[in-house]
C-alpha atoms as a PDB file:
ATOM      1  CA  UNK A   1     -10.903 -26.553  81.301  1.00  0.00           C
ATOM      2  CA  UNK A   2     -12.054 -27.913  77.913  1.00  0.00           C
ATOM      3  CA  UNK A   3      -9.951 -26.902  74.967  1.00  0.00           C
ATOM      4  CA  UNK A   4     -11.523 -24.968  72.077  1.00  0.00           C
ATOM      5  CA  UNK A   5     -10.403 -25.244  68.438  1.00  0.00           C
ATOM      6  CA  UNK A   6     -10.354 -21.637  67.245  1.00  0.00           C
ATOM      7  CA  UNK A   7     -10.045 -21.598  63.475  1.00  0.00           C
ATOM      8  CA  UNK A   8      -9.556 -18.453  61.418  1.00  0.00           C
ATOM      9  CA  UNK A   9     -12.051 -17.335  58.755  1.00  0.00           C
ATOM     10  CA  UNK A  10     -10.245 -16.844  55.442  1.00  0.00           C
ATOM     11  CA  UNK A  11     -10.353 -13.601  53.514  1.00  0.00           C
ATOM     12  CA  UNK A  12     -10.951 -13.875  49.783  1.00  0.00           C
ATOM     13  CA  UNK A  13     -10.466 -11.406  46.927  1.00  0.00           C
ATOM     14  CA  UNK A  14     -12.221 -12.155  43.597  1.00  0.00           C
ATOM     15  CA  UNK A  15     -10.108  -9.774  41.506  1.00  0.00           C
ATOM     16  CA  UNK A  16     -10.746  -6.610  39.531  1.00  0.00           C
ATOM     17  CA  UNK A  17     -13.800  -5.984  37.375  1.00  0.00           C
ATOM     18  CA  UNK A  18     -13.073  -6.573  33.707  1.00  0.00           C
ATOM     19  CA  UNK A  19     -14.591  -5.852  30.296  1.00  0.00           C
ATOM     20  CA  UNK A  20     -14.368  -8.294  27.390  1.00  0.00           C
ATOM     21  CA  UNK A  21     -15.549  -8.399  23.803  1.00  0.00           C
ATOM     22  CA  UNK A  22     -18.345 -10.766  22.762  1.00  0.00           C
ATOM     23  CA  UNK A  23     -17.167 -14.374  22.277  1.00  0.00           C
ATOM     24  CA  UNK A  24     -13.945 -13.586  24.196  1.00  0.00           C
ATOM     25  CA  UNK A  25     -12.876 -14.897  27.626  1.00  0.00           C
ATOM     26  CA  UNK A  26     -11.713 -13.258  30.843  1.00  0.00           C
ATOM     27  CA  UNK A  27      -9.127 -14.858  33.142  1.00  0.00           C
ATOM     28  CA  UNK A  28     -10.285 -14.502  36.767  1.00  0.00           C
ATOM     29  CA  UNK A  29      -7.584 -14.100  39.425  1.00  0.00           C
ATOM     30  CA  UNK A  30      -8.644 -14.953  42.996  1.00  0.00           C
ATOM     31  CA  UNK A  31      -6.536 -14.810  46.170  1.00  0.00           C
ATOM     32  CA  UNK A  32      -7.256 -16.115  49.670  1.00  0.00           C
ATOM     33  CA  UNK A  33      -5.400 -15.155  52.848  1.00  0.00           C
ATOM     34  CA  UNK A  34      -5.755 -15.262  56.620  1.00  0.00           C
ATOM     35  CA  UNK A  35      -6.092 -19.056  57.047  1.00  0.00           C
ATOM     36  CA  UNK A  36      -4.783 -22.011  55.146  1.00  0.00           C
ATOM     37  CA  UNK A  37      -2.528 -23.320  54.096  1.00  0.00           C
ATOM     38  CA  UNK A  38      -5.143 -25.143  51.993  1.00  0.00           C
ATOM     39  CA  UNK A  39      -8.107 -23.335  50.406  1.00  0.00           C
ATOM     40  CA  UNK A  40     -11.013 -24.475  48.287  1.00  0.00           C
ATOM     41  CA  UNK A  41     -12.973 -22.156  46.050  1.00  0.00           C
ATOM     42  CA  UNK A  42     -16.604 -21.907  44.983  1.00  0.00           C
ATOM     43  CA  UNK A  43     -17.718 -19.459  42.276  1.00  0.00           C
ATOM     44  CA  UNK A  44     -21.343 -18.679  41.587  1.00  0.00           C
ATOM     45  CA  UNK A  45     -23.118 -18.573  39.308  1.00  0.00           C
ATOM     46  CA  UNK A  46     -21.238 -21.187  37.294  1.00  0.00           C
ATOM     47  CA  UNK A  47     -22.650 -19.789  34.031  1.00  0.00           C
ATOM     48  CA  UNK A  48     -19.859 -19.151  31.529  1.00  0.00           C
ATOM     49  CA  UNK A  49     -17.098 -20.601  33.745  1.00  0.00           C
ATOM     50  CA  UNK A  50     -14.928 -23.469  32.597  1.00  0.00           C
ATOM     51  CA  UNK A  51     -14.756 -24.731  36.233  1.00  0.00           C
ATOM     52  CA  UNK A  52     -16.445 -23.026  39.191  1.00  0.00           C
ATOM     53  CA  UNK A  53     -14.087 -24.716  41.711  1.00  0.00           C
ATOM     54  CA  UNK A  54     -10.832 -23.342  40.332  1.00  0.00           C
ATOM     55  CA  UNK A  55      -8.910 -20.462  41.841  1.00  0.00           C
ATOM     56  CA  UNK A  56      -8.243 -19.071  38.352  1.00  0.00           C
ATOM     57  CA  UNK A  57     -11.172 -20.025  36.100  1.00  0.00           C
ATOM     58  CA  UNK A  58     -11.896 -18.597  32.663  1.00  0.00           C
ATOM     59  CA  UNK A  59     -15.156 -16.718  32.211  1.00  0.00           C
ATOM     60  CA  UNK A  60     -16.853 -16.674  28.792  1.00  0.00           C
ATOM     61  CA  UNK A  61     -20.341 -15.317  29.458  1.00  0.00           C
ATOM     62  CA  UNK A  62     -22.688 -14.214  26.684  1.00  0.00           C
ATOM     63  CA  UNK A  63     -23.834 -11.237  28.762  1.00  0.00           C
ATOM     64  CA  UNK A  64     -22.493  -9.237  31.683  1.00  0.00           C
ATOM     65  CA  UNK A  65     -22.322 -11.315  34.905  1.00  0.00           C
ATOM     66  CA  UNK A  66     -21.461 -10.538  38.533  1.00  0.00           C
ATOM     67  CA  UNK A  67     -19.514 -13.543  39.861  1.00  0.00           C
ATOM     68  CA  UNK A  68     -19.336 -14.248  43.613  1.00  0.00           C
ATOM     69  CA  UNK A  69     -16.499 -16.160  45.251  1.00  0.00           C
ATOM     70  CA  UNK A  70     -16.326 -17.937  48.617  1.00  0.00           C
ATOM     71  CA  UNK A  71     -13.108 -19.550  49.861  1.00  0.00           C
ATOM     72  CA  UNK A  72     -13.077 -22.322  52.473  1.00  0.00           C
ATOM     73  CA  UNK A  73     -10.179 -23.336  54.724  1.00  0.00           C
ATOM     74  CA  UNK A  74     -10.281 -25.856  57.579  1.00  0.00           C
ATOM     75  CA  UNK A  75     -14.076 -25.879  57.374  1.00  0.00           C
ATOM     76  CA  UNK A  76     -14.431 -22.096  57.672  1.00  0.00           C
ATOM     77  CA  UNK A  77     -15.969 -20.101  54.856  1.00  0.00           C
ATOM     78  CA  UNK A  78     -14.943 -16.574  53.929  1.00  0.00           C
ATOM     79  CA  UNK A  79     -17.299 -13.729  53.348  1.00  0.00           C
ATOM     80  CA  UNK A  80     -18.152 -13.554  49.662  1.00  0.00           C
ATOM     81  CA  UNK A  81     -16.363 -11.194  47.291  1.00  0.00           C
ATOM     82  CA  UNK A  82     -17.474 -10.421  43.764  1.00  0.00           C
ATOM     83  CA  UNK A  83     -16.120  -9.442  40.368  1.00  0.00           C
ATOM     84  CA  UNK A  84     -18.081  -8.043  37.425  1.00  0.00           C
ATOM     85  CA  UNK A  85     -17.354  -9.385  33.937  1.00  0.00           C
ATOM     86  CA  UNK A  86     -18.943  -6.970  31.473  1.00  0.00           C
ATOM     87  CA  UNK A  87     -19.562  -7.542  27.767  1.00  0.00           C
ATOM     88  CA  UNK A  88     -18.644  -4.503  25.704  1.00  0.00           C
ATOM     89  CA  UNK A  89     -21.416  -3.508  23.276  1.00  0.00           C
ATOM     90  CA  UNK A  90     -20.350  -3.790  19.643  1.00  0.00           C
ATOM     91  CA  UNK A  91     -21.894  -1.543  16.993  1.00  0.00           C
ATOM     92  CA  UNK A  92     -23.552  -3.239  14.037  1.00  0.00           C
ATOM     93  CA  UNK A  93     -23.082  -2.013  10.476  1.00  0.00           C
ATOM     94  CA  UNK A  94     -24.712  -2.244   7.069  1.00  0.00           C
ATOM     95  CA  UNK A  95     -22.657  -1.536   3.951  1.00  0.00           C
ATOM     96  CA  UNK A  96     -25.698  -0.865   1.749  1.00  0.00           C
ATOM     97  CA  UNK A  97     -26.999  -2.312  -1.504  1.00  0.00           C
ATOM     98  CA  UNK A  98     -25.119  -3.073  -4.726  1.00  0.00           C
ATOM     99  CA  UNK A  99     -23.714   0.034  -6.415  1.00  0.00           C
ATOM    100  CA  UNK A 100     -23.185   0.684 -10.126  1.00  0.00           C
ATOM    101  CA  UNK A 101     -20.656   3.141 -11.514  1.00  0.00           C
ATOM    102  CA  UNK A 102     -19.234   4.013 -14.926  1.00  0.00           C
ATOM    103  CA  UNK A 103     -15.496   3.531 -15.330  1.00  0.00           C
ATOM    104  CA  UNK A 104     -13.715   6.739 -14.320  1.00  0.00           C
ATOM    105  CA  UNK A 105     -16.664   8.039 -12.272  1.00  0.00           C
ATOM    106  CA  UNK A 106     -17.409   7.775  -8.559  1.00  0.00           C
ATOM    107  CA  UNK A 107     -20.378   6.599  -6.511  1.00  0.00           C
ATOM    108  CA  UNK A 108     -21.250   7.272  -2.870  1.00  0.00           C
ATOM    109  CA  UNK A 109     -21.491   4.240  -0.592  1.00  0.00           C
ATOM    110  CA  UNK A 110     -24.464   4.057   1.783  1.00  0.00           C
ATOM    111  CA  UNK A 111     -22.907   2.704   4.984  1.00  0.00           C
ATOM    112  CA  UNK A 112     -25.056   2.691   8.128  1.00  0.00           C
ATOM    113  CA  UNK A 113     -24.155   1.864  11.730  1.00  0.00           C
ATOM    114  CA  UNK A 114     -25.738   1.627  15.147  1.00  0.00           C
ATOM    115  CA  UNK A 115     -22.839   3.502  16.689  1.00  0.00           C
ATOM    116  CA  UNK A 116     -22.033   3.195  20.340  1.00  0.00           C
ATOM    117  CA  UNK A 117     -20.143   5.715  22.413  1.00  0.00           C
ATOM    118  CA  UNK A 118     -16.738   6.456  20.859  1.00  0.00           C
ATOM    119  CA  UNK A 119     -17.322   3.868  18.143  1.00  0.00           C
ATOM    120  CA  UNK A 120     -15.207   3.987  14.974  1.00  0.00           C
ATOM    121  CA  UNK A 121     -15.773   2.625  11.476  1.00  0.00           C
ATOM    122  CA  UNK A 122     -13.338   1.539   8.786  1.00  0.00           C
ATOM    123  CA  UNK A 123     -13.751   0.514   5.135  1.00  0.00           C
ATOM    124  CA  UNK A 124     -11.438  -1.886   3.314  1.00  0.00           C
ATOM    125  CA  UNK A 125      -9.731  -2.098   0.934  1.00  0.00           C
ATOM    126  CA  UNK A 126      -8.697   1.549   0.830  1.00  0.00           C
ATOM    127  CA  UNK A 127      -8.034   1.629  -2.936  1.00  0.00           C
ATOM    128  CA  UNK A 128     -10.495   3.861  -4.732  1.00  0.00           C
ATOM    129  CA  UNK A 129     -12.110   5.293  -1.575  1.00  0.00           C
ATOM    130  CA  UNK A 130     -12.144   8.992  -0.722  1.00  0.00           C
ATOM    131  CA  UNK A 131     -12.055   8.203   3.027  1.00  0.00           C
ATOM    132  CA  UNK A 132     -11.911   4.860   4.851  1.00  0.00           C
ATOM    133  CA  UNK A 133     -13.127   6.209   8.223  1.00  0.00           C
ATOM    134  CA  UNK A 134     -16.461   7.756   7.244  1.00  0.00           C
ATOM    135  CA  UNK A 135     -19.724   5.871   6.799  1.00  0.00           C
ATOM    136  CA  UNK A 136     -20.493   7.155   3.298  1.00  0.00           C
ATOM    137  CA  UNK A 137     -17.280   7.698   1.318  1.00  0.00           C
ATOM    138  CA  UNK A 138     -17.069   8.052  -2.465  1.00  0.00           C
ATOM    139  CA  UNK A 139     -15.819   4.982  -4.306  1.00  0.00           C
ATOM    140  CA  UNK A 140     -13.935   5.224  -7.624  1.00  0.00           C
ATOM    141  CA  UNK A 141     -12.812   1.658  -8.330  1.00  0.00           C
ATOM    142  CA  UNK A 142     -11.211   0.669 -11.634  1.00  0.00           C
ATOM    143  CA  UNK A 143     -12.670  -2.854 -11.555  1.00  0.00           C
ATOM    144  CA  UNK A 144     -15.761  -4.424 -10.021  1.00  0.00           C
ATOM    145  CA  UNK A 145     -15.259  -5.708  -6.480  1.00  0.00           C
ATOM    146  CA  UNK A 146     -16.285  -5.858  -2.825  1.00  0.00           C
ATOM    147  CA  UNK A 147     -15.894  -3.198  -0.135  1.00  0.00           C
ATOM    148  CA  UNK A 148     -16.111  -4.211   3.548  1.00  0.00           C
ATOM    149  CA  UNK A 149     -17.367  -2.058   6.420  1.00  0.00           C
ATOM    150  CA  UNK A 150     -16.547  -2.804  10.066  1.00  0.00           C
ATOM    151  CA  UNK A 151     -17.085  -0.893  13.309  1.00  0.00           C
ATOM    152  CA  UNK A 152     -15.280  -1.181  16.623  1.00  0.00           C
ATOM    153  CA  UNK A 153     -15.662   0.216  20.111  1.00  0.00           C
ATOM    154  CA  UNK A 154     -13.282  -0.101  23.012  1.00  0.00           C
ATOM    155  CA  UNK A 155     -11.101  -2.501  21.077  1.00  0.00           C
ATOM    156  CA  UNK A 156     -14.038  -4.769  20.234  1.00  0.00           C
ATOM    157  CA  UNK A 157     -14.722  -5.258  16.534  1.00  0.00           C
ATOM    158  CA  UNK A 158     -18.199  -5.987  15.233  1.00  0.00           C
ATOM    159  CA  UNK A 159     -19.044  -8.290  12.375  1.00  0.00           C
ATOM    160  CA  UNK A 160     -18.204  -6.774   8.963  1.00  0.00           C
ATOM    161  CA  UNK A 161     -20.734  -6.183   6.203  1.00  0.00           C
ATOM    162  CA  UNK A 162     -19.982  -5.877   2.489  1.00  0.00           C
ATOM    163  CA  UNK A 163     -21.226  -4.149  -0.661  1.00  0.00           C
ATOM    164  CA  UNK A 164     -20.435  -5.044  -4.271  1.00  0.00           C
ATOM    165  CA  UNK A 165     -19.595  -2.189  -6.653  1.00  0.00           C
ATOM    166  CA  UNK A 166     -20.079  -2.950 -10.352  1.00  0.00           C
ATOM    167  CA  UNK A 167     -17.860  -0.975 -12.733  1.00  0.00           C
ATOM    168  CA  UNK A 168     -19.408  -0.615 -16.204  1.00  0.00           C
ATOM    169  CA  UNK A 169     -17.344  -0.059 -19.375  1.00  0.00           C
ATOM    170  CA  UNK A 170     -17.557   3.338 -21.077  1.00  0.00           C
ATOM    171  CA  UNK A 171     -17.604   3.660 -24.881  1.00  0.00           C
ATOM    172  CA  UNK A 172     -15.237   6.196 -26.448  1.00  0.00           C
ATOM    173  CA  UNK A 173     -17.000   8.319 -29.087  1.00  0.00           C
ATOM    174  CA  UNK A 174     -15.167   9.799 -32.088  1.00  0.00           C
ATOM    175  CA  UNK A 175     -17.077  12.271 -34.272  1.00  0.00           C
ATOM    176  CA  UNK A 176     -14.449  12.389 -37.038  1.00  0.00           C
ATOM    177  CA  UNK A 177     -12.056  15.034 -38.351  1.00  0.00           C
ATOM    178  CA  UNK A 178     -13.039  18.638 -38.849  1.00  0.00           C
ATOM    179  CA  UNK A 179     -13.946  19.178 -42.508  1.00  0.00           C
ATOM    180  CA  UNK A 180     -14.347  22.093 -44.952  1.00  0.00           C
ATOM    181  CA  UNK A 181     -16.976  21.979 -47.724  1.00  0.00           C
ATOM    182  CA  UNK A 182     -18.120  24.453 -50.360  1.00  0.00           C
ATOM    183  CA  UNK A 183     -21.680  25.584 -50.895  1.00  0.00           C
ATOM    184  CA  UNK A 184     -24.647  25.771 -48.592  1.00  0.00           C
ATOM    185  CA  UNK A 185     -26.354  22.888 -50.405  1.00  0.00           C
ATOM    186  CA  UNK A 186     -23.429  20.475 -50.320  1.00  0.00           C
ATOM    187  CA  UNK A 187     -24.015  17.093 -48.695  1.00  0.00           C
ATOM    188  CA  UNK A 188     -21.482  15.392 -46.436  1.00  0.00           C
ATOM    189  CA  UNK A 189     -21.389  12.065 -44.616  1.00  0.00           C
ATOM    190  CA  UNK A 190     -20.313  12.394 -40.995  1.00  0.00           C
ATOM    191  CA  UNK A 191     -17.625   9.877 -40.029  1.00  0.00           C
ATOM    192  CA  UNK A 192     -18.669   8.828 -36.527  1.00  0.00           C
ATOM    193  CA  UNK A 193     -17.200   5.802 -34.737  1.00  0.00           C
ATOM    194  CA  UNK A 194     -16.662   4.414 -31.225  1.00  0.00           C
ATOM    195  CA  UNK A 195     -14.664   1.861 -29.294  1.00  0.00           C
ATOM    196  CA  UNK A 196     -15.386  -0.099 -26.124  1.00  0.00           C
ATOM    197  CA  UNK A 197     -18.535   0.023 -24.034  1.00  0.00           C
ATOM    198  CA  UNK A 198     -21.062  -2.676 -23.310  1.00  0.00           C
ATOM    199  CA  UNK A 199     -24.390  -3.807 -24.703  1.00  0.00           C
ATOM    200  CA  UNK A 200     -26.723  -2.242 -25.732  1.00  0.00           C
ATOM    201  CA  UNK A 201     -25.149   0.724 -27.600  1.00  0.00           C
ATOM    202  CA  UNK A 202     -27.086   3.927 -28.295  1.00  0.00           C
ATOM    203  CA  UNK A 203     -26.014   6.514 -30.894  1.00  0.00           C
ATOM    204  CA  UNK A 204     -27.231  10.114 -30.935  1.00  0.00           C
ATOM    205  CA  UNK A 205     -26.143  13.039 -33.146  1.00  0.00           C
ATOM    206  CA  UNK A 206     -27.140  16.653 -32.510  1.00  0.00           C
ATOM    207  CA  UNK A 207     -28.204  19.265 -33.448  1.00  0.00           C
ATOM    208  CA  UNK A 208     -30.600  19.383 -36.389  1.00  0.00           C
ATOM    209  CA  UNK A 209     -30.790  15.650 -37.150  1.00  0.00           C
ATOM    210  CA  UNK A 210     -34.013  13.723 -36.852  1.00  0.00           C
ATOM    211  CA  UNK A 211     -34.584  10.021 -36.266  1.00  0.00           C
ATOM    212  CA  UNK A 212     -33.496   7.647 -37.640  1.00  0.00           C
ATOM    213  CA  UNK A 213     -30.642   9.701 -39.077  1.00  0.00           C
ATOM    214  CA  UNK A 214     -29.476  10.917 -35.672  1.00  0.00           C
ATOM    215  CA  UNK A 215     -29.148   7.271 -34.565  1.00  0.00           C
ATOM    216  CA  UNK A 216     -26.662   6.328 -37.297  1.00  0.00           C
ATOM    217  CA  UNK A 217     -22.909   6.462 -36.886  1.00  0.00           C
ATOM    218  CA  UNK A 218     -22.398   7.989 -40.355  1.00  0.00           C
ATOM    219  CA  UNK A 219     -25.461  10.027 -41.337  1.00  0.00           C
ATOM    220  CA  UNK A 220     -25.718  12.132 -44.492  1.00  0.00           C
ATOM    221  CA  UNK A 221     -26.257  15.821 -43.688  1.00  0.00           C
ATOM    222  CA  UNK A 222     -26.573  19.185 -45.442  1.00  0.00           C
ATOM    223  CA  UNK A 223     -25.050  21.694 -42.997  1.00  0.00           C
ATOM    224  CA  UNK A 224     -26.138  24.817 -44.898  1.00  0.00           C
ATOM    225  CA  UNK A 225     -23.722  26.821 -42.783  1.00  0.00           C
ATOM    226  CA  UNK A 226     -20.692  26.296 -40.584  1.00  0.00           C
ATOM    227  CA  UNK A 227     -21.818  24.076 -37.733  1.00  0.00           C
ATOM    228  CA  UNK A 228     -20.668  21.860 -34.866  1.00  0.00           C
ATOM    229  CA  UNK A 229     -22.051  18.324 -34.747  1.00  0.00           C
ATOM    230  CA  UNK A 230     -21.981  16.342 -31.497  1.00  0.00           C
ATOM    231  CA  UNK A 231     -21.857  12.552 -31.281  1.00  0.00           C
ATOM    232  CA  UNK A 232     -22.939  10.887 -28.046  1.00  0.00           C
ATOM    233  CA  UNK A 233     -22.375   7.148 -27.638  1.00  0.00           C
ATOM    234  CA  UNK A 234     -24.023   5.440 -24.644  1.00  0.00           C
ATOM    235  CA  UNK A 235     -23.886   1.859 -23.420  1.00  0.00           C
ATOM    236  CA  UNK A 236     -25.752  -0.055 -20.768  1.00  0.00           C
ATOM    237  CA  UNK A 237     -29.281   0.132 -19.415  1.00  0.00           C
ATOM    238  CA  UNK A 238     -30.659   3.020 -17.303  1.00  0.00           C
ATOM    239  CA  UNK A 239     -30.165   3.985 -14.567  1.00  0.00           C
ATOM    240  CA  UNK A 240     -26.569   2.899 -15.222  1.00  0.00           C
ATOM    241  CA  UNK A 241     -25.911   4.234 -18.692  1.00  0.00           C
ATOM    242  CA  UNK A 242     -22.339   5.229 -19.496  1.00  0.00           C
ATOM    243  CA  UNK A 243     -21.663   7.714 -22.298  1.00  0.00           C
ATOM    244  CA  UNK A 244     -19.059   9.983 -23.891  1.00  0.00           C
ATOM    245  CA  UNK A 245     -19.408  12.972 -26.200  1.00  0.00           C
ATOM    246  CA  UNK A 246     -17.223  14.126 -29.099  1.00  0.00           C
ATOM    247  CA  UNK A 247     -17.662  16.898 -31.665  1.00  0.00           C
ATOM    248  CA  UNK A 248     -16.713  17.726 -35.249  1.00  0.00           C
ATOM    249  CA  UNK A 249     -16.666  21.115 -36.985  1.00  0.00           C
ATOM    250  CA  UNK A 250     -18.028  21.297 -40.530  1.00  0.00           C
ATOM    251  CA  UNK A 251     -16.970  24.593 -42.098  1.00  0.00           C
ATOM    252  CA  UNK A 252     -19.103  25.719 -45.042  1.00  0.00           C
ATOM    253  CA  UNK A 253     -17.453  28.137 -47.540  1.00  0.00           C
ATOM    254  CA  UNK A 254     -19.616  30.176 -49.910  1.00  0.00           C
ATOM    255  CA  UNK A 255     -19.963  28.972 -53.511  1.00  0.00           C
ATOM    256  CA  UNK A 256     -18.100  30.808 -56.289  1.00  0.00           C
ATOM    257  CA  UNK A 257     -20.525  32.301 -58.835  1.00  0.00           C
ATOM    258  CA  UNK A 258     -18.845  32.987 -62.234  1.00  0.00           C
ATOM    259  CA  UNK A 259     -20.263  35.638 -64.583  1.00  0.00           C
ATOM    260  CA  UNK A 260     -18.807  36.054 -68.105  1.00  0.00           C
ATOM    261  CA  UNK A 261     -19.028  39.386 -69.940  1.00  0.00           C
ATOM    262  CA  UNK A 262     -17.677  40.517 -73.267  1.00  0.00           C
ATOM    263  CA  UNK A 263     -14.816  42.968 -73.183  1.00  0.00           C
ATOM    264  CA  UNK A 264     -15.359  44.377 -76.676  1.00  0.00           C
ATOM    265  CA  UNK A 265     -18.094  44.989 -79.144  1.00  0.00           C
ATOM    266  CA  UNK A 266     -16.038  43.605 -81.998  1.00  0.00           C
ATOM    267  CA  UNK A 267     -15.748  39.958 -82.724  1.00  0.00           C
ATOM    268  CA  UNK A 268     -14.067  38.175 -85.634  1.00  0.00           C
END
């Protein structure tokens, strides 16, 4: 009787499905049994693989791909097995437009994100932020600088976006020392001053002063009665105008009216 060469069909296993982040790689782990001892491997498609003939190739696809593997031993091919390499979606973020804030104040950041399922966001640096894990925290920086917003999902981080926060100097107004004067017609020069701030500077006194007097640091006034005067010093250009307010009390005492009368009808 003629002899027959009965060869065994190998059994191949392409490995477990895996999820990777964009631009990352997945190590594929294939095994073949049931024949041998030598096996050859053929992966398809070859898209994203560093070598489609390796047992353990690296997969770096730009989108999710189902890879199929066939092993061959002694001329016999295995049935194909497959493994899915999925690309995890990464949320995109926008940190918003440039923000302006007066020193000592706060401004709300306008972060936006196309959030995926269970996505998280984080701002950095944390200094000056009310919350680093919310899209629109309040920022109170002491100096101008950048804040960076990044989102991640399933361990995959998206590309960060940034926003620049400009901190403007604030002038310090000083209305002068409280003063006492006599007489409702007495004149007094207010002793206003300021330090710091940026250009341009705007001066405004109130109440009861008209332009241009109310725009002078040391206007001449006639209080007429006890009164508070308020000095506001502003710097910068709207909508970012930084200002402070100080007050001075001018106390007006009544005049002394002297009347002389004779105390006798006899004079020498």
